[in-house]
Amino acid sequence: MSDQSKSVHQFKVKLINGTEKKLSDYKNKVLLIVNIASGCGFAPQLKELQELRDELGTERFEILGLPSNDFGRQEPLEGTAISTFCEVNFGVQFPVFEKIMVRGEYAHPLFKFLTQTSTPRWNFHKYLIDKDGEVVDYFFPFTKPLSSKVKKKIQRLINF
């Protein structure tokens, strides 16, 4: 069993509807945690993220979208308008959470934890989390979700 202090499972994050979600609910699942923004040039990756989720299934894998306005003020939307945008424009069905800060003094505790590995320099920075909740890799925004690099690493963790 993983040491809780090394795991994302110690955190809670509010879903877009305001319901608090324990990340421990995702124990035994591989996660891809992504800071998203509707106004970002990388926003079309939302469609690829959903395609990745569809391809790999949700039994042992999940994507968590965490909106942030920290980079270029590219998340002007609030509340359910964010999830509506993601769903209508890109078919997103994976969990989208409340808008949070991902860098700096006021960053959400989850991102303070994640940035010990890699600090996001822009929207769509992706953190790969193993079944025990530990950060095992990260991908820069320009790395497409459907790239063989991303898919192979996720599949290896799912099948481990």
Protein backbone atom coordinates (compact mmCIF):
# COMPACT_ATOMS: atom_id res chain seq x y z
CA MET A 1 0.00 0.00 0.00
CA SER A 2 1.25 3.45 -0.90
CA ASP A 3 2.34 5.97 1.70
CA GLN A 4 -0.53 8.49 1.78
CA SER A 5 1.87 11.47 1.84
CA LYS A 6 3.20 10.41 -1.58
CA SER A 7 -0.27 9.94 -3.03
CA VAL A 8 -2.88 12.16 -4.67
CA HIS A 9 -5.41 10.05 -2.75
CA GLN A 10 -4.96 12.35 0.27
CA PHE A 11 -6.69 15.25 -1.52
CA LYS A 12 -10.26 16.36 -2.06
CA VAL A 13 -11.34 18.54 -4.97
CA LYS A 14 -14.77 20.00 -5.72
CA LEU A 15 -16.53 18.84 -8.85
CA ILE A 16 -17.98 21.53 -11.11
CA ASN A 17 -21.35 21.15 -9.33
CA GLY A 18 -19.72 21.95 -5.97
CA THR A 19 -19.75 18.38 -4.63
CA GLU A 20 -16.52 17.48 -2.85
CA LYS A 21 -14.77 14.48 -4.42
CA LYS A 22 -12.15 12.43 -2.58
CA LEU A 23 -9.36 11.41 -4.91
CA SER A 24 -9.09 8.24 -2.82
CA ASP A 25 -12.25 7.22 -4.71
CA TYR A 26 -9.88 6.63 -7.64
CA LYS A 27 -7.68 4.11 -5.82
CA ASN A 28 -6.62 1.27 -8.13
CA LYS A 29 -7.16 3.46 -11.21
CA VAL A 30 -4.52 5.08 -13.36
CA LEU A 31 -5.21 8.82 -13.60
CA LEU A 32 -4.30 11.54 -16.04
CA ILE A 33 -4.75 14.88 -14.25
CA VAL A 34 -4.86 17.84 -16.64
CA ASN A 35 -5.16 21.56 -16.01
CA ILE A 36 -7.60 22.70 -18.69
CA ALA A 37 -8.79 26.06 -20.04
CA SER A 38 -11.61 26.65 -22.52
CA GLY A 39 -9.95 29.64 -24.21
CA CYS A 40 -6.57 27.98 -24.73
CA GLY A 41 -5.21 27.05 -28.15
CA PHE A 42 -4.72 23.55 -26.73
CA ALA A 43 -8.46 23.23 -25.92
CA PRO A 44 -8.99 20.82 -28.87
CA GLN A 45 -7.01 18.33 -26.75
CA LEU A 46 -10.23 17.95 -24.76
CA LYS A 47 -11.57 15.90 -27.67
CA GLU A 48 -8.41 13.78 -27.72
CA LEU A 49 -8.57 13.29 -23.97
CA GLN A 50 -12.14 12.01 -24.33
CA GLU A 51 -11.08 9.72 -27.20
CA LEU A 52 -8.27 8.37 -25.01
CA ARG A 53 -10.75 7.69 -22.21
CA ASP A 54 -13.16 6.01 -24.65
CA GLU A 55 -10.35 3.83 -26.03
CA LEU A 56 -8.91 2.76 -22.66
CA GLY A 57 -12.21 2.54 -20.77
CA THR A 58 -12.99 3.73 -17.27
CA GLU A 59 -12.67 0.48 -15.37
CA ARG A 60 -8.96 1.03 -14.60
CA PHE A 61 -8.36 4.53 -15.99
CA GLU A 62 -9.78 8.04 -15.56
CA ILE A 63 -9.03 11.56 -16.70
CA LEU A 64 -9.57 14.47 -14.31
CA GLY A 65 -9.95 17.93 -15.83
CA LEU A 66 -9.10 20.82 -13.53
CA PRO A 67 -9.86 24.22 -15.05
CA SER A 68 -7.49 27.07 -14.29
CA ASN A 69 -7.27 30.72 -15.27
CA ASP A 70 -3.58 30.94 -14.29
CA PHE A 71 -2.13 31.12 -17.80
CA GLY A 72 -3.09 33.95 -20.11
CA ARG A 73 -6.47 34.31 -18.39
CA GLN A 74 -7.71 31.61 -20.76
CA GLU A 75 -10.48 30.26 -18.55
CA PRO A 76 -13.02 33.10 -18.43
CA LEU A 77 -15.95 30.75 -17.80
CA GLU A 78 -17.29 29.92 -14.33
CA GLY A 79 -19.13 26.98 -12.81
CA THR A 80 -21.19 24.69 -15.00
CA ALA A 81 -20.47 26.89 -18.04
CA ILE A 82 -17.04 25.24 -18.09
CA SER A 83 -18.38 21.67 -18.17
CA THR A 84 -21.07 22.66 -20.68
CA PHE A 85 -18.39 24.13 -22.97
CA CYS A 86 -16.31 20.95 -22.69
CA GLU A 87 -19.27 18.66 -23.32
CA VAL A 88 -20.92 20.61 -26.17
CA ASN A 89 -17.73 21.45 -28.07
CA PHE A 90 -15.60 18.37 -27.42
CA GLY A 91 -17.91 15.61 -26.12
CA VAL A 92 -16.20 15.51 -22.73
CA GLN A 93 -17.65 12.93 -20.33
CA PHE A 94 -14.73 12.72 -17.88
CA PRO A 95 -14.98 14.53 -14.52
CA VAL A 96 -14.46 18.30 -14.69
CA PHE A 97 -13.79 20.05 -11.42
CA GLU A 98 -14.21 23.60 -10.11
CA LYS A 99 -11.80 26.20 -11.39
CA ILE A 100 -8.69 26.31 -9.20
CA MET A 101 -5.28 27.92 -9.12
CA VAL A 102 -2.47 25.59 -10.20
CA ARG A 103 0.59 27.71 -9.44
CA GLY A 104 1.83 30.21 -6.95
CA GLU A 105 1.09 30.88 -3.32
CA TYR A 106 -2.67 30.24 -3.67
CA ALA A 107 -2.40 27.05 -5.72
CA HIS A 108 -4.79 24.27 -4.74
CA PRO A 109 -3.09 21.76 -2.36
CA LEU A 110 -3.36 19.06 -5.04
CA PHE A 111 -1.31 21.17 -7.44
CA LYS A 112 1.17 22.15 -4.75
CA PHE A 113 1.70 18.40 -4.40
CA LEU A 114 1.85 17.74 -8.17
CA THR A 115 4.29 20.60 -8.81
CA GLN A 116 6.89 18.87 -6.67
CA THR A 117 7.37 16.75 -9.79
CA SER A 118 6.88 19.36 -12.53
CA THR A 119 5.49 22.88 -12.50
CA PRO A 120 2.99 23.58 -15.26
CA ARG A 121 4.13 26.40 -17.50
CA TRP A 122 0.84 26.53 -19.41
CA ASN A 123 -2.61 24.97 -19.72
CA PHE A 124 -2.96 21.26 -20.56
CA HIS A 125 0.03 20.08 -18.53
CA LYS A 126 -0.68 16.41 -17.84
CA TYR A 127 0.27 14.36 -14.76
CA LEU A 128 0.25 10.57 -14.97
CA ILE A 129 -0.70 8.92 -11.68
CA ASP A 130 -0.36 5.21 -10.94
CA LYS A 131 -2.93 2.98 -9.20
CA ASP A 132 -1.43 3.84 -5.81
CA GLY A 133 -1.90 7.57 -6.42
CA GLU A 134 1.76 8.35 -7.02
CA VAL A 135 2.96 10.69 -9.77
CA VAL A 136 4.97 8.60 -12.20
CA ASP A 137 5.33 10.95 -15.17
CA TYR A 138 4.14 14.19 -16.71
CA PHE A 139 3.62 15.53 -20.20
CA PHE A 140 3.97 19.09 -21.44
CA PRO A 141 1.00 20.84 -23.08
CA PHE A 142 2.28 20.23 -26.61
CA THR A 143 2.27 16.44 -26.01
CA LYS A 144 -0.97 15.21 -27.54
CA PRO A 145 -3.10 12.86 -25.43
CA LEU A 146 -3.35 10.33 -28.26
CA SER A 147 0.40 10.24 -28.90
CA SER A 148 1.98 6.79 -28.67
CA LYS A 149 4.22 8.07 -25.85
CA VAL A 150 1.22 8.89 -23.64
CA LYS A 151 -0.86 5.85 -24.59
CA LYS A 152 1.98 3.36 -24.05
CA LYS A 153 2.81 4.70 -20.59
CA ILE A 154 -0.85 4.62 -19.53
CA GLN A 155 -1.40 1.11 -20.92
CA ARG A 156 1.73 -0.15 -19.16
CA LEU A 157 0.39 1.15 -15.84
CA ILE A 158 -3.12 -0.20 -16.45
CA ASN A 159 -1.75 -3.67 -17.22
CA PHE A 160 0.81 -3.67 -14.39
